[in-house]
């Protein structure tokens, strides 16, 4: 029996944040096979830096829907 995109999405969203990040990384990699190693290294370093800032409390997370609304508001200007 095939799983629907909605069911898959709900299952993915129920995962812990680190597992969701790993899943997202795998999905992106599947869309861009053979990506330049330097780019991958740079993105990995950036992701680790941001994760560490969050864990140290240097930055505060905001909900995804709020972040998207901020982007929409800026684009509408």
N, C-alpha and C. Protein backbone atom coordinates (compact mmCIF):
# COMPACT_ATOMS: atom_id res chain seq x y z
N UNK A 1 0.84 -1.17 0.00
CA UNK A 1 0.00 0.00 0.00
C UNK A 1 0.90 1.25 0.00
N UNK A 2 0.66 2.15 -0.91
CA UNK A 2 1.47 3.36 -1.03
C UNK A 2 1.05 4.39 0.01
N UNK A 3 2.02 5.14 0.48
CA UNK A 3 1.77 6.20 1.44
C UNK A 3 1.61 7.51 0.67
N UNK A 4 0.65 8.32 1.07
CA UNK A 4 0.42 9.59 0.39
C UNK A 4 1.46 10.62 0.82
N UNK A 5 1.61 11.66 0.03
CA UNK A 5 2.53 12.74 0.37
C UNK A 5 2.13 13.36 1.71
N UNK A 6 0.83 13.54 1.93
CA UNK A 6 0.37 14.12 3.19
C UNK A 6 0.73 13.22 4.37
N UNK A 7 0.55 11.90 4.24
CA UNK A 7 0.91 10.99 5.31
C UNK A 7 2.42 11.01 5.56
N UNK A 8 3.18 11.05 4.48
CA UNK A 8 4.63 11.11 4.60
C UNK A 8 5.07 12.41 5.28
N UNK A 9 4.43 13.51 4.89
CA UNK A 9 4.74 14.80 5.50
C UNK A 9 4.46 14.77 6.99
N UNK A 10 3.30 14.28 7.38
CA UNK A 10 2.94 14.21 8.80
C UNK A 10 3.92 13.34 9.57
N UNK A 11 4.31 12.22 8.98
CA UNK A 11 5.27 11.33 9.64
C UNK A 11 6.61 12.04 9.80
N UNK A 12 7.06 12.73 8.76
CA UNK A 12 8.34 13.44 8.82
C UNK A 12 8.31 14.55 9.86
N UNK A 13 7.20 15.28 9.93
CA UNK A 13 7.10 16.38 10.88
C UNK A 13 7.03 15.91 12.33
N UNK A 14 6.69 14.65 12.53
CA UNK A 14 6.63 14.13 13.89
C UNK A 14 8.01 13.67 14.40
N UNK A 15 9.00 13.67 13.52
CA UNK A 15 10.35 13.28 13.92
C UNK A 15 11.01 14.37 14.76
N UNK A 16 11.99 13.99 15.57
CA UNK A 16 12.76 15.02 16.29
C UNK A 16 13.49 15.92 15.29
N UNK A 17 13.83 17.12 15.72
CA UNK A 17 14.40 18.10 14.79
C UNK A 17 15.67 17.61 14.11
N UNK A 18 16.54 16.92 14.82
CA UNK A 18 17.78 16.45 14.19
C UNK A 18 17.49 15.41 13.11
N UNK A 19 16.51 14.54 13.35
CA UNK A 19 16.14 13.55 12.34
C UNK A 19 15.52 14.24 11.12
N UNK A 20 14.70 15.28 11.35
CA UNK A 20 14.13 16.03 10.23
C UNK A 20 15.22 16.69 9.41
N UNK A 21 16.24 17.22 10.09
CA UNK A 21 17.35 17.85 9.38
C UNK A 21 18.09 16.83 8.53
N UNK A 22 18.31 15.65 9.06
CA UNK A 22 18.98 14.60 8.29
C UNK A 22 18.14 14.20 7.09
N UNK A 23 16.84 14.08 7.29
CA UNK A 23 15.94 13.73 6.19
C UNK A 23 15.96 14.81 5.12
N UNK A 24 15.89 16.06 5.54
CA UNK A 24 15.93 17.17 4.59
C UNK A 24 17.23 17.16 3.79
N UNK A 25 18.33 16.89 4.47
CA UNK A 25 19.62 16.83 3.80
C UNK A 25 19.63 15.73 2.74
N UNK A 26 19.11 14.58 3.08
CA UNK A 26 19.07 13.47 2.11
C UNK A 26 18.17 13.79 0.92
N UNK A 27 17.04 14.44 1.19
CA UNK A 27 16.15 14.79 0.10
C UNK A 27 16.79 15.81 -0.84
N UNK A 28 17.45 16.80 -0.27
CA UNK A 28 18.12 17.81 -1.11
C UNK A 28 19.23 17.15 -1.91
N UNK A 29 20.00 16.29 -1.28
CA UNK A 29 21.06 15.59 -2.01
C UNK A 29 20.51 14.78 -3.16
N UNK A 30 19.32 14.22 -2.99
CA UNK A 30 18.75 13.41 -4.06
C UNK A 30 18.34 14.26 -5.26
N UNK A 31 18.12 15.56 -5.03
CA UNK A 31 17.75 16.46 -6.12
C UNK A 31 18.97 17.02 -6.84
N UNK A 32 20.12 17.03 -6.17
CA UNK A 32 21.32 17.63 -6.75
C UNK A 32 22.50 16.65 -6.65
N UNK A 33 22.40 15.50 -7.33
CA UNK A 33 23.51 14.54 -7.23
C UNK A 33 24.78 15.12 -7.85
N UNK A 34 25.91 14.74 -7.28
CA UNK A 34 27.18 15.19 -7.81
C UNK A 34 27.50 16.64 -7.48
N UNK A 35 26.88 17.16 -6.44
CA UNK A 35 27.12 18.55 -6.06
C UNK A 35 28.60 18.73 -5.74
N UNK A 36 29.11 19.89 -6.07
CA UNK A 36 30.51 20.21 -5.84
C UNK A 36 30.85 20.01 -4.36
N UNK A 37 31.94 19.31 -4.09
CA UNK A 37 32.33 19.02 -2.71
C UNK A 37 32.58 20.28 -1.89
N UNK A 38 33.16 21.30 -2.49
CA UNK A 38 33.43 22.54 -1.75
C UNK A 38 32.13 23.19 -1.29
N UNK A 39 31.12 23.15 -2.13
CA UNK A 39 29.83 23.73 -1.75
C UNK A 39 29.23 22.93 -0.60
N UNK A 40 29.29 21.62 -0.70
CA UNK A 40 28.75 20.76 0.36
C UNK A 40 29.47 21.01 1.68
N UNK A 41 30.78 21.15 1.63
CA UNK A 41 31.56 21.41 2.84
C UNK A 41 31.15 22.76 3.45
N UNK A 42 30.99 23.76 2.60
CA UNK A 42 30.60 25.09 3.09
C UNK A 42 29.22 25.06 3.73
N UNK A 43 28.25 24.38 3.10
CA UNK A 43 26.90 24.32 3.66
C UNK A 43 26.90 23.54 4.97
N UNK A 44 27.68 22.48 5.03
CA UNK A 44 27.76 21.69 6.27
C UNK A 44 28.34 22.54 7.39
N UNK A 45 29.40 23.28 7.10
CA UNK A 45 30.00 24.14 8.11
C UNK A 45 29.01 25.20 8.59
N UNK A 46 28.25 25.77 7.67
CA UNK A 46 27.25 26.78 8.03
C UNK A 46 26.15 26.17 8.90
N UNK A 47 25.70 24.99 8.54
CA UNK A 47 24.65 24.32 9.32
C UNK A 47 25.15 24.02 10.74
N UNK A 48 26.37 23.54 10.85
CA UNK A 48 26.94 23.23 12.17
C UNK A 48 27.09 24.52 12.98
N UNK A 49 27.56 25.60 12.35
CA UNK A 49 27.71 26.88 13.04
C UNK A 49 26.37 27.35 13.60
N UNK A 50 25.34 27.29 12.76
CA UNK A 50 24.01 27.75 13.19
C UNK A 50 23.45 26.86 14.29
N UNK A 51 23.65 25.55 14.16
CA UNK A 51 23.19 24.63 15.20
C UNK A 51 23.86 24.94 16.52
N UNK A 52 25.17 25.16 16.48
CA UNK A 52 25.92 25.45 17.70
C UNK A 52 25.48 26.76 18.34
N UNK A 53 25.21 27.79 17.51
CA UNK A 53 24.71 29.07 18.05
C UNK A 53 23.38 28.86 18.77
N UNK A 54 22.53 28.05 18.19
CA UNK A 54 21.23 27.77 18.80
C UNK A 54 21.40 27.02 20.11
N UNK A 55 22.24 26.00 20.12
CA UNK A 55 22.45 25.20 21.33
C UNK A 55 23.08 26.01 22.46
N UNK A 56 23.97 26.96 22.12
CA UNK A 56 24.60 27.81 23.13
C UNK A 56 23.65 28.89 23.64
N UNK A 57 22.57 29.11 22.92
CA UNK A 57 21.64 30.15 23.31
C UNK A 57 22.02 31.52 22.76
N UNK A 58 22.97 31.55 21.83
CA UNK A 58 23.37 32.82 21.21
C UNK A 58 22.25 33.42 20.37
N UNK A 59 21.41 32.57 19.84
CA UNK A 59 20.28 33.01 19.02
C UNK A 59 19.04 32.28 19.50
N UNK A 60 17.89 32.86 19.22
CA UNK A 60 16.63 32.25 19.60
C UNK A 60 15.89 31.82 18.32
N UNK A 61 15.37 30.60 18.31
CA UNK A 61 14.64 30.16 17.12
C UNK A 61 13.29 30.87 17.04
N UNK A 62 12.78 30.94 15.82
CA UNK A 62 11.42 31.44 15.63
C UNK A 62 10.65 30.38 14.86
N UNK A 63 9.35 30.30 15.07
CA UNK A 63 8.56 29.30 14.35
C UNK A 63 8.66 29.51 12.84
N UNK A 64 8.63 28.42 12.10
CA UNK A 64 8.75 28.48 10.66
C UNK A 64 7.72 29.37 10.00
N UNK A 65 6.47 29.30 10.47
CA UNK A 65 5.42 30.13 9.85
C UNK A 65 5.69 31.62 10.08
N UNK A 66 6.29 31.97 11.22
CA UNK A 66 6.64 33.37 11.47
C UNK A 66 7.79 33.80 10.56
N UNK A 67 8.77 32.93 10.38
CA UNK A 67 9.89 33.25 9.49
C UNK A 67 9.40 33.46 8.06
N UNK A 68 8.53 32.59 7.61
CA UNK A 68 7.98 32.73 6.26
C UNK A 68 7.18 34.02 6.11
N UNK A 69 6.43 34.38 7.15
CA UNK A 69 5.67 35.62 7.09
C UNK A 69 6.60 36.83 7.01
N UNK A 70 7.70 36.79 7.74
CA UNK A 70 8.67 37.88 7.68
C UNK A 70 9.23 38.03 6.26
N UNK A 71 9.53 36.89 5.63
CA UNK A 71 10.04 36.93 4.26
C UNK A 71 8.98 37.49 3.33
N UNK A 72 7.75 37.02 3.47
CA UNK A 72 6.66 37.53 2.62
C UNK A 72 6.49 39.04 2.79
N UNK A 73 6.54 39.49 4.04
CA UNK A 73 6.40 40.93 4.31
C UNK A 73 7.51 41.72 3.64
N UNK A 74 8.72 41.22 3.71
CA UNK A 74 9.84 41.94 3.08
C UNK A 74 9.73 41.95 1.56
N UNK A 75 9.27 40.85 1.00
CA UNK A 75 9.13 40.77 -0.45
C UNK A 75 8.00 41.67 -0.95
N UNK A 76 7.00 41.92 -0.10
CA UNK A 76 5.87 42.75 -0.49
C UNK A 76 6.21 44.23 -0.48
N UNK A 77 7.31 44.60 0.11
CA UNK A 77 7.70 46.03 0.22
C UNK A 77 8.14 46.55 -1.11
